[in-house]
PDB file of all heavy atoms in Angstrom:
ATOM      1  N   GLY A   1      47.957 -20.049 -34.640  1.00  0.00           N
ATOM      2  CA  GLY A   1      49.184 -20.493 -35.279  1.00  0.00           C
ATOM      3  C   GLY A   1      49.328 -21.996 -35.235  1.00  0.00           C
ATOM      4  O   GLY A   1      49.687 -22.637 -36.238  1.00  0.00           O
ATOM      5  N   ALA A   2      49.044 -22.587 -34.076  1.00  0.00           N
ATOM      6  CA  ALA A   2      49.205 -24.029 -33.919  1.00  0.00           C
ATOM      7  C   ALA A   2      48.132 -24.820 -34.658  1.00  0.00           C
ATOM      8  O   ALA A   2      48.414 -25.879 -35.220  1.00  0.00           O
ATOM      9  CB  ALA A   2      49.172 -24.390 -32.435  1.00  0.00           C
ATOM     10  N   GLY A   3      46.906 -24.294 -34.663  1.00  0.00           N
ATOM     11  CA  GLY A   3      45.801 -25.068 -35.204  1.00  0.00           C
ATOM     12  C   GLY A   3      45.434 -24.787 -36.640  1.00  0.00           C
ATOM     13  O   GLY A   3      44.852 -25.647 -37.318  1.00  0.00           O
ATOM     14  N   LEU A   4      45.786 -23.593 -37.119  1.00  0.00           N
ATOM     15  CA  LEU A   4      45.418 -23.218 -38.488  1.00  0.00           C
ATOM     16  C   LEU A   4      46.614 -22.759 -39.311  1.00  0.00           C
ATOM     17  O   LEU A   4      46.460 -22.464 -40.501  1.00  0.00           O
ATOM     18  CB  LEU A   4      44.342 -22.125 -38.458  1.00  0.00           C
ATOM     19  CG  LEU A   4      43.012 -22.520 -37.801  1.00  0.00           C
ATOM     20  CD1 LEU A   4      42.092 -21.311 -37.698  1.00  0.00           C
ATOM     21  CD2 LEU A   4      42.332 -23.646 -38.580  1.00  0.00           C
ATOM     22  N   GLY A   5      47.780 -22.679 -38.684  1.00  0.00           N
ATOM     23  CA  GLY A   5      48.996 -22.316 -39.415  1.00  0.00           C
ATOM     24  C   GLY A   5      49.013 -20.883 -39.906  1.00  0.00           C
ATOM     25  O   GLY A   5      49.673 -20.572 -40.898  1.00  0.00           O
ATOM     26  N   VAL A   6      48.306 -19.997 -39.206  1.00  0.00           N
ATOM     27  CA  VAL A   6      48.220 -18.591 -39.613  1.00  0.00           C
ATOM     28  C   VAL A   6      48.864 -17.726 -38.534  1.00  0.00           C
ATOM     29  O   VAL A   6      48.560 -17.871 -37.346  1.00  0.00           O
ATOM     30  CB  VAL A   6      46.750 -18.164 -39.826  1.00  0.00           C
ATOM     31  CG1 VAL A   6      46.655 -16.677 -40.146  1.00  0.00           C
ATOM     32  CG2 VAL A   6      46.113 -19.001 -40.928  1.00  0.00           C
ATOM     33  N   THR A   7      49.748 -16.840 -38.940  1.00  0.00           N
ATOM     34  CA  THR A   7      50.444 -15.953 -38.010  1.00  0.00           C
ATOM     35  C   THR A   7      49.863 -14.548 -38.101  1.00  0.00           C
ATOM     36  O   THR A   7      49.129 -14.221 -39.044  1.00  0.00           O
ATOM     37  CB  THR A   7      51.942 -15.905 -38.337  1.00  0.00           C
ATOM     38  OG1 THR A   7      52.126 -15.183 -39.571  1.00  0.00           O
ATOM     39  CG2 THR A   7      52.532 -17.300 -38.468  1.00  0.00           C
ATOM     40  N   PRO A   8      50.194 -13.668 -37.125  1.00  0.00           N
ATOM     41  CA  PRO A   8      49.687 -12.293 -37.181  1.00  0.00           C
ATOM     42  C   PRO A   8      50.094 -11.532 -38.433  1.00  0.00           C
ATOM     43  O   PRO A   8      49.451 -10.528 -38.777  1.00  0.00           O
ATOM     44  CB  PRO A   8      50.297 -11.656 -35.927  1.00  0.00           C
ATOM     45  CG  PRO A   8      50.443 -12.798 -34.983  1.00  0.00           C
ATOM     46  CD  PRO A   8      50.857 -13.959 -35.839  1.00  0.00           C
ATOM     47  N   ALA A   9      51.130 -11.977 -39.141  1.00  0.00           N
ATOM     48  CA  ALA A   9      51.557 -11.302 -40.368  1.00  0.00           C
ATOM     49  C   ALA A   9      50.651 -11.640 -41.545  1.00  0.00           C
ATOM     50  O   ALA A   9      50.685 -10.963 -42.579  1.00  0.00           O
ATOM     51  CB  ALA A   9      53.002 -11.683 -40.692  1.00  0.00           C
ATOM     52  N   ASP A  10      49.830 -12.646 -41.407  1.00  0.00           N
ATOM     53  CA  ASP A  10      48.948 -13.079 -42.490  1.00  0.00           C
ATOM     54  C   ASP A  10      47.718 -12.172 -42.552  1.00  0.00           C
ATOM     55  O   ASP A  10      47.120 -11.864 -41.514  1.00  0.00           O
ATOM     56  CB  ASP A  10      48.525 -14.529 -42.246  1.00  0.00           C
ATOM     57  CG  ASP A  10      47.868 -15.157 -43.463  1.00  0.00           C
ATOM     58  OD1 ASP A  10      46.798 -14.667 -43.886  1.00  0.00           O
ATOM     59  OD2 ASP A  10      48.414 -16.144 -43.988  1.00  0.00           O
ATOM     60  N   PRO A  11      47.282 -11.759 -43.739  1.00  0.00           N
ATOM     61  CA  PRO A  11      46.089 -10.903 -43.851  1.00  0.00           C
ATOM     62  C   PRO A  11      44.832 -11.536 -43.271  1.00  0.00           C
ATOM     63  O   PRO A  11      43.906 -10.822 -42.871  1.00  0.00           O
ATOM     64  CB  PRO A  11      45.948 -10.683 -45.363  1.00  0.00           C
ATOM     65  CG  PRO A  11      47.317 -10.915 -45.914  1.00  0.00           C
ATOM     66  CD  PRO A  11      47.940 -11.969 -45.048  1.00  0.00           C
ATOM     67  N   ALA A  12      44.794 -12.858 -43.214  1.00  0.00           N
ATOM     68  CA  ALA A  12      43.605 -13.530 -42.697  1.00  0.00           C
ATOM     69  C   ALA A  12      43.561 -13.546 -41.177  1.00  0.00           C
ATOM     70  O   ALA A  12      42.515 -13.877 -40.592  1.00  0.00           O
ATOM     71  CB  ALA A  12      43.558 -14.967 -43.223  1.00  0.00           C
ATOM     72  N   PHE A  13      44.647 -13.176 -40.526  1.00  0.00           N
ATOM     73  CA  PHE A  13      44.721 -13.336 -39.080  1.00  0.00           C
ATOM     74  C   PHE A  13      43.671 -12.529 -38.316  1.00  0.00           C
ATOM     75  O   PHE A  13      43.035 -13.083 -37.396  1.00  0.00           O
ATOM     76  CB  PHE A  13      46.115 -12.986 -38.563  1.00  0.00           C
ATOM     77  CG  PHE A  13      46.256 -13.150 -37.081  1.00  0.00           C
ATOM     78  CD1 PHE A  13      46.482 -14.398 -36.526  1.00  0.00           C
ATOM     79  CD2 PHE A  13      46.144 -12.058 -36.222  1.00  0.00           C
ATOM     80  CE1 PHE A  13      46.593 -14.570 -35.161  1.00  0.00           C
ATOM     81  CE2 PHE A  13      46.259 -12.210 -34.855  1.00  0.00           C
ATOM     82  CZ  PHE A  13      46.486 -13.472 -34.320  1.00  0.00           C
ATOM     83  N   PRO A  14      43.454 -11.246 -38.606  1.00  0.00           N
ATOM     84  CA  PRO A  14      42.480 -10.484 -37.806  1.00  0.00           C
ATOM     85  C   PRO A  14      41.095 -11.118 -37.773  1.00  0.00           C
ATOM     86  O   PRO A  14      40.452 -11.182 -36.711  1.00  0.00           O
ATOM     87  CB  PRO A  14      42.469  -9.110 -38.487  1.00  0.00           C
ATOM     88  CG  PRO A  14      43.827  -8.996 -39.100  1.00  0.00           C
ATOM     89  CD  PRO A  14      44.144 -10.373 -39.584  1.00  0.00           C
ATOM     90  N   GLY A  15      40.626 -11.596 -38.919  1.00  0.00           N
ATOM     91  CA  GLY A  15      39.311 -12.220 -38.948  1.00  0.00           C
ATOM     92  C   GLY A  15      39.274 -13.520 -38.158  1.00  0.00           C
ATOM     93  O   GLY A  15      38.301 -13.794 -37.443  1.00  0.00           O
ATOM     94  N   LEU A  16      40.334 -14.317 -38.274  1.00  0.00           N
ATOM     95  CA  LEU A  16      40.408 -15.563 -37.518  1.00  0.00           C
ATOM     96  C   LEU A  16      40.509 -15.288 -36.016  1.00  0.00           C
ATOM     97  O   LEU A  16      39.904 -15.998 -35.202  1.00  0.00           O
ATOM     98  CB  LEU A  16      41.608 -16.386 -37.988  1.00  0.00           C
ATOM     99  CG  LEU A  16      41.516 -16.961 -39.399  1.00  0.00           C
ATOM    100  CD1 LEU A  16      42.848 -17.590 -39.799  1.00  0.00           C
ATOM    101  CD2 LEU A  16      40.392 -17.975 -39.510  1.00  0.00           C
ATOM    102  N   ARG A  17      41.253 -14.245 -35.658  1.00  0.00           N
ATOM    103  CA  ARG A  17      41.371 -13.880 -34.245  1.00  0.00           C
ATOM    104  C   ARG A  17      40.010 -13.505 -33.679  1.00  0.00           C
ATOM    105  O   ARG A  17      39.637 -13.953 -32.586  1.00  0.00           O
ATOM    106  CB  ARG A  17      42.344 -12.712 -34.086  1.00  0.00           C
ATOM    107  CG  ARG A  17      42.494 -12.214 -32.642  1.00  0.00           C
ATOM    108  CD  ARG A  17      43.164 -10.858 -32.628  1.00  0.00           C
ATOM    109  NE  ARG A  17      42.393  -9.892 -33.389  1.00  0.00           N
ATOM    110  CZ  ARG A  17      42.925  -8.852 -34.061  1.00  0.00           C
ATOM    111  NH1 ARG A  17      44.223  -8.641 -34.041  1.00  0.00           N
ATOM    112  NH2 ARG A  17      42.149  -8.026 -34.733  1.00  0.00           N
ATOM    113  N   ASP A  18      39.250 -12.694 -34.414  1.00  0.00           N
ATOM    114  CA  ASP A  18      37.936 -12.288 -33.921  1.00  0.00           C
ATOM    115  C   ASP A  18      37.008 -13.494 -33.791  1.00  0.00           C
ATOM    116  O   ASP A  18      36.240 -13.598 -32.819  1.00  0.00           O
ATOM    117  CB  ASP A  18      37.317 -11.252 -34.860  1.00  0.00           C
ATOM    118  CG  ASP A  18      38.053  -9.912 -34.815  1.00  0.00           C
ATOM    119  OD1 ASP A  18      38.851  -9.703 -33.885  1.00  0.00           O
ATOM    120  OD2 ASP A  18      37.838  -9.091 -35.726  1.00  0.00           O
ATOM    121  N   GLU A  19      37.081 -14.400 -34.764  1.00  0.00           N
ATOM    122  CA  GLU A  19      36.268 -15.614 -34.701  1.00  0.00           C
ATOM    123  C   GLU A  19      36.651 -16.454 -33.487  1.00  0.00           C
ATOM    124  O   GLU A  19      35.781 -16.956 -32.758  1.00  0.00           O
ATOM    125  CB  GLU A  19      36.449 -16.424 -35.984  1.00  0.00           C
ATOM    126  CG  GLU A  19      35.624 -17.693 -36.021  1.00  0.00           C
ATOM    127  CD  GLU A  19      35.877 -18.527 -37.278  1.00  0.00           C
ATOM    128  OE1 GLU A  19      36.560 -18.034 -38.194  1.00  0.00           O
ATOM    129  OE2 GLU A  19      35.400 -19.674 -37.318  1.00  0.00           O
ATOM    130  N   PHE A  20      37.948 -16.595 -33.252  1.00  0.00           N
ATOM    131  CA  PHE A  20      38.415 -17.373 -32.116  1.00  0.00           C
ATOM    132  C   PHE A  20      37.948 -16.761 -30.795  1.00  0.00           C
ATOM    133  O   PHE A  20      37.462 -17.474 -29.902  1.00  0.00           O
ATOM    134  CB  PHE A  20      39.941 -17.467 -32.135  1.00  0.00           C
ATOM    135  CG  PHE A  20      40.517 -18.139 -30.919  1.00  0.00           C
ATOM    136  CD1 PHE A  20      40.600 -19.513 -30.849  1.00  0.00           C
ATOM    137  CD2 PHE A  20      40.951 -17.389 -29.835  1.00  0.00           C
ATOM    138  CE1 PHE A  20      41.103 -20.143 -29.718  1.00  0.00           C
ATOM    139  CE2 PHE A  20      41.464 -18.000 -28.700  1.00  0.00           C
ATOM    140  CZ  PHE A  20      41.536 -19.387 -28.638  1.00  0.00           C
ATOM    141  N   LEU A  21      38.084 -15.460 -30.668  1.00  0.00           N
ATOM    142  CA  LEU A  21      37.700 -14.801 -29.417  1.00  0.00           C
ATOM    143  C   LEU A  21      36.202 -14.922 -29.160  1.00  0.00           C
ATOM    144  O   LEU A  21      35.777 -15.099 -28.016  1.00  0.00           O
ATOM    145  CB  LEU A  21      38.138 -13.338 -29.449  1.00  0.00           C
ATOM    146  CG  LEU A  21      39.651 -13.110 -29.481  1.00  0.00           C
ATOM    147  CD1 LEU A  21      39.960 -11.623 -29.580  1.00  0.00           C
ATOM    148  CD2 LEU A  21      40.334 -13.729 -28.274  1.00  0.00           C
ATOM    149  N   ASP A  22      35.400 -14.839 -30.210  1.00  0.00           N
ATOM    150  CA  ASP A  22      33.958 -15.012 -30.040  1.00  0.00           C
ATOM    151  C   ASP A  22      33.636 -16.442 -29.602  1.00  0.00           C
ATOM    152  O   ASP A  22      32.774 -16.659 -28.740  1.00  0.00           O
ATOM    153  CB  ASP A  22      33.226 -14.691 -31.342  1.00  0.00           C
ATOM    154  CG  ASP A  22      33.190 -13.191 -31.645  1.00  0.00           C
ATOM    155  OD1 ASP A  22      33.427 -12.390 -30.714  1.00  0.00           O
ATOM    156  OD2 ASP A  22      32.935 -12.836 -32.810  1.00  0.00           O
ATOM    157  N   GLU A  23      34.325 -17.416 -30.196  1.00  0.00           N
ATOM    158  CA  GLU A  23      34.126 -18.812 -29.806  1.00  0.00           C
ATOM    159  C   GLU A  23      34.521 -19.032 -28.349  1.00  0.00           C
ATOM    160  O   GLU A  23      33.823 -19.720 -27.606  1.00  0.00           O
ATOM    161  CB  GLU A  23      34.949 -19.739 -30.707  1.00  0.00           C
ATOM    162  CG  GLU A  23      34.380 -19.965 -32.085  1.00  0.00           C
ATOM    163  CD  GLU A  23      33.130 -20.838 -32.059  1.00  0.00           C
ATOM    164  OE1 GLU A  23      32.858 -21.486 -31.032  1.00  0.00           O
ATOM    165  OE2 GLU A  23      32.402 -20.846 -33.065  1.00  0.00           O
ATOM    166  N   TYR A  24      35.634 -18.454 -27.966  1.00  0.00           N
ATOM    167  CA  TYR A  24      36.122 -18.634 -26.597  1.00  0.00           C
ATOM    168  C   TYR A  24      35.166 -17.992 -25.595  1.00  0.00           C
ATOM    169  O   TYR A  24      34.819 -18.588 -24.571  1.00  0.00           O
ATOM    170  CB  TYR A  24      37.521 -18.033 -26.477  1.00  0.00           C
ATOM    171  CG  TYR A  24      38.127 -18.151 -25.099  1.00  0.00           C
ATOM    172  CD1 TYR A  24      38.199 -19.380 -24.447  1.00  0.00           C
ATOM    173  CD2 TYR A  24      38.637 -17.031 -24.449  1.00  0.00           C
ATOM    174  CE1 TYR A  24      38.752 -19.485 -23.186  1.00  0.00           C
ATOM    175  CE2 TYR A  24      39.206 -17.134 -23.184  1.00  0.00           C
ATOM    176  CZ  TYR A  24      39.256 -18.358 -22.553  1.00  0.00           C
ATOM    177  OH  TYR A  24      39.802 -18.457 -21.307  1.00  0.00           O
ATOM    178  N   GLU A  25      34.698 -16.802 -25.904  1.00  0.00           N
ATOM    179  CA  GLU A  25      33.788 -16.096 -24.995  1.00  0.00           C
ATOM    180  C   GLU A  25      32.479 -16.852 -24.828  1.00  0.00           C
ATOM    181  O   GLU A  25      31.867 -16.831 -23.752  1.00  0.00           O
ATOM    182  CB  GLU A  25      33.523 -14.691 -25.525  1.00  0.00           C
ATOM    183  CG  GLU A  25      32.723 -13.822 -24.575  1.00  0.00           C
ATOM    184  CD  GLU A  25      32.605 -12.396 -25.073  1.00  0.00           C
ATOM    185  OE1 GLU A  25      32.539 -12.197 -26.308  1.00  0.00           O
ATOM    186  OE2 GLU A  25      32.588 -11.478 -24.241  1.00  0.00           O
ATOM    187  N   ALA A  26      32.055 -17.540 -25.875  1.00  0.00           N
ATOM    188  CA  ALA A  26      30.779 -18.258 -25.823  1.00  0.00           C
ATOM    189  C   ALA A  26      30.815 -19.458 -24.883  1.00  0.00           C
ATOM    190  O   ALA A  26      29.774 -19.921 -24.415  1.00  0.00           O
ATOM    191  CB  ALA A  26      30.392 -18.720 -27.226  1.00  0.00           C
ATOM    192  N   ASP A  27      32.010 -19.977 -24.601  1.00  0.00           N
ATOM    193  CA  ASP A  27      32.146 -21.142 -23.715  1.00  0.00           C
ATOM    194  C   ASP A  27      33.418 -20.978 -22.900  1.00  0.00           C
ATOM    195  O   ASP A  27      34.357 -21.749 -22.998  1.00  0.00           O
ATOM    196  CB  ASP A  27      32.194 -22.423 -24.540  1.00  0.00           C
ATOM    197  CG  ASP A  27      31.497 -23.576 -23.840  1.00  0.00           C
ATOM    198  OD1 ASP A  27      31.190 -23.444 -22.642  1.00  0.00           O
ATOM    199  OD2 ASP A  27      31.270 -24.613 -24.487  1.00  0.00           O
ATOM    200  N   LEU A  28      33.413 -19.963 -22.053  1.00  0.00           N
ATOM    201  CA  LEU A  28      34.619 -19.508 -21.380  1.00  0.00           C
ATOM    202  C   LEU A  28      35.117 -20.484 -20.326  1.00  0.00           C
ATOM    203  O   LEU A  28      36.325 -20.580 -20.076  1.00  0.00           O
ATOM    204  CB  LEU A  28      34.333 -18.148 -20.717  1.00  0.00           C
ATOM    205  CG  LEU A  28      35.499 -17.327 -20.204  1.00  0.00           C
ATOM    206  CD1 LEU A  28      36.427 -16.927 -21.333  1.00  0.00           C
ATOM    207  CD2 LEU A  28      34.973 -16.071 -19.498  1.00  0.00           C
ATOM    208  N   MET A  29      34.202 -21.211 -19.688  1.00  0.00           N
ATOM    209  CA  MET A  29      34.622 -22.060 -18.589  1.00  0.00           C
ATOM    210  C   MET A  29      33.826 -23.355 -18.539  1.00  0.00           C
ATOM    211  O   MET A  29      33.164 -23.676 -17.572  1.00  0.00           O
ATOM    212  CB  MET A  29      34.522 -21.317 -17.254  1.00  0.00           C
ATOM    213  CG  MET A  29      35.303 -22.007 -16.149  1.00  0.00           C
ATOM    214  SD  MET A  29      35.358 -21.030 -14.648  1.00  0.00           S
ATOM    215  CE  MET A  29      35.629 -22.362 -13.459  1.00  0.00           C
ATOM    216  N   ARG A  30      33.970 -24.117 -19.588  1.00  0.00           N
ATOM    217  CA  ARG A  30      33.385 -25.456 -19.586  1.00  0.00           C
ATOM    218  C   ARG A  30      34.297 -26.411 -18.821  1.00  0.00           C
ATOM    219  O   ARG A  30      33.845 -27.217 -18.015  1.00  0.00           O
ATOM    220  CB  ARG A  30      33.185 -25.958 -21.015  1.00  0.00           C
ATOM    221  CG  ARG A  30      32.662 -27.393 -21.082  1.00  0.00           C
ATOM    222  CD  ARG A  30      32.597 -27.917 -22.495  1.00  0.00           C
ATOM    223  NE  ARG A  30      31.623 -27.197 -23.300  1.00  0.00           N
ATOM    224  CZ  ARG A  30      31.335 -27.521 -24.556  1.00  0.00           C
ATOM    225  NH1 ARG A  30      31.949 -28.529 -25.151  1.00  0.00           N
ATOM    226  NH2 ARG A  30      30.436 -26.823 -25.229  1.00  0.00           N
ATOM    227  N   ASP A  31      35.595 -26.343 -19.091  1.00  0.00           N
ATOM    228  CA  ASP A  31      36.548 -27.287 -18.503  1.00  0.00           C
ATOM    229  C   ASP A  31      37.726 -26.612 -17.799  1.00  0.00           C
ATOM    230  O   ASP A  31      38.598 -27.308 -17.280  1.00  0.00           O
ATOM    231  CB  ASP A  31      37.097 -28.223 -19.590  1.00  0.00           C
ATOM    232  CG  ASP A  31      36.003 -29.069 -20.223  1.00  0.00           C
ATOM    233  OD1 ASP A  31      35.271 -29.731 -19.470  1.00  0.00           O
ATOM    234  OD2 ASP A  31      35.867 -29.053 -21.459  1.00  0.00           O
ATOM    235  N   SER A  32      37.791 -25.294 -17.786  1.00  0.00           N
ATOM    236  CA  SER A  32      38.894 -24.608 -17.110  1.00  0.00           C
ATOM    237  C   SER A  32      38.761 -24.769 -15.597  1.00  0.00           C
ATOM    238  O   SER A  32      37.659 -24.696 -15.047  1.00  0.00           O
ATOM    239  CB  SER A  32      38.899 -23.116 -17.464  1.00  0.00           C
ATOM    240  OG  SER A  32      39.200 -22.934 -18.832  1.00  0.00           O
ATOM    241  N   VAL A  33      39.892 -24.987 -14.938  1.00  0.00           N
ATOM    242  CA  VAL A  33      39.899 -25.185 -13.485  1.00  0.00           C
ATOM    243  C   VAL A  33      41.175 -24.579 -12.903  1.00  0.00           C
ATOM    244  O   VAL A  33      42.155 -24.352 -13.618  1.00  0.00           O
ATOM    245  CB  VAL A  33      39.856 -26.688 -13.103  1.00  0.00           C
ATOM    246  CG1 VAL A  33      38.530 -27.310 -13.488  1.00  0.00           C
ATOM    247  CG2 VAL A  33      41.025 -27.444 -13.746  1.00  0.00           C
ATOM    248  N   LEU A  34      41.157 -24.326 -11.604  1.00  0.00           N
ATOM    249  CA  LEU A  34      42.392 -23.987 -10.919  1.00  0.00           C
ATOM    250  C   LEU A  34      43.300 -25.208 -10.936  1.00  0.00           C
ATOM    251  O   LEU A  34      42.836 -26.350 -10.829  1.00  0.00           O
ATOM    252  CB  LEU A  34      42.110 -23.580  -9.472  1.00  0.00           C
ATOM    253  CG  LEU A  34      41.285 -22.314  -9.240  1.00  0.00           C
ATOM    254  CD1 LEU A  34      41.073 -22.110  -7.744  1.00  0.00           C
ATOM    255  CD2 LEU A  34      41.960 -21.097  -9.853  1.00  0.00           C
ATOM    256  N   PHE A  35      44.602 -24.976 -11.069  1.00  0.00           N
ATOM    257  CA  PHE A  35      45.531 -26.089 -10.977  1.00  0.00           C
ATOM    258  C   PHE A  35      45.450 -26.714  -9.587  1.00  0.00           C
ATOM    259  O   PHE A  35      45.195 -26.017  -8.592  1.00  0.00           O
ATOM    260  CB  PHE A  35      46.965 -25.610 -11.226  1.00  0.00           C
ATOM    261  CG  PHE A  35      47.317 -25.454 -12.671  1.00  0.00           C
ATOM    262  CD1 PHE A  35      47.452 -24.185 -13.233  1.00  0.00           C
ATOM    263  CD2 PHE A  35      47.527 -26.559 -13.474  1.00  0.00           C
ATOM    264  CE1 PHE A  35      47.793 -24.033 -14.557  1.00  0.00           C
ATOM    265  CE2 PHE A  35      47.862 -26.413 -14.812  1.00  0.00           C
ATOM    266  CZ  PHE A  35      47.994 -25.159 -15.358  1.00  0.00           C
ATOM    267  N   PRO A  36      45.670 -28.015  -9.482  1.00  0.00           N
ATOM    268  CA  PRO A  36      45.707 -28.643  -8.160  1.00  0.00           C
ATOM    269  C   PRO A  36      46.726 -27.956  -7.255  1.00  0.00           C
ATOM    270  O   PRO A  36      47.862 -27.706  -7.664  1.00  0.00           O
ATOM    271  CB  PRO A  36      46.138 -30.088  -8.467  1.00  0.00           C
ATOM    272  CG  PRO A  36      45.695 -30.316  -9.881  1.00  0.00           C
ATOM    273  CD  PRO A  36      45.874 -28.994 -10.571  1.00  0.00           C
ATOM    274  N   GLY A  37      46.303 -27.614  -6.062  1.00  0.00           N
ATOM    275  CA  GLY A  37      47.189 -26.962  -5.113  1.00  0.00           C
ATOM    276  C   GLY A  37      47.065 -25.454  -5.081  1.00  0.00           C
ATOM    277  O   GLY A  37      47.539 -24.816  -4.129  1.00  0.00           O
ATOM    278  N   VAL A  38      46.432 -24.855  -6.074  1.00  0.00           N
ATOM    279  CA  VAL A  38      46.319 -23.396  -6.101  1.00  0.00           C
ATOM    280  C   VAL A  38      45.405 -22.891  -4.983  1.00  0.00           C
ATOM    281  O   VAL A  38      45.724 -21.899  -4.318  1.00  0.00           O
ATOM    282  CB  VAL A  38      45.827 -22.906  -7.480  1.00  0.00           C
ATOM    283  CG1 VAL A  38      45.342 -21.454  -7.413  1.00  0.00           C
ATOM    284  CG2 VAL A  38      46.950 -23.011  -8.500  1.00  0.00           C
ATOM    285  N   ALA A  39      44.274 -23.549  -4.783  1.00  0.00           N
ATOM    286  CA  ALA A  39      43.374 -23.112  -3.715  1.00  0.00           C
ATOM    287  C   ALA A  39      44.074 -23.161  -2.358  1.00  0.00           C
ATOM    288  O   ALA A  39      43.958 -22.229  -1.548  1.00  0.00           O
ATOM    289  CB  ALA A  39      42.116 -23.990  -3.692  1.00  0.00           C
TER     290      ALA A  39
END
């Protein structure tokens, strides 16, 4: 929604969602970290 302006009500959303999830899975933890203080 924020990056492509497409909401779940849009017919294009399912395909974009699947593309996004595949992209995310391919690089799941390049820069993700625990917040400071969580450990």
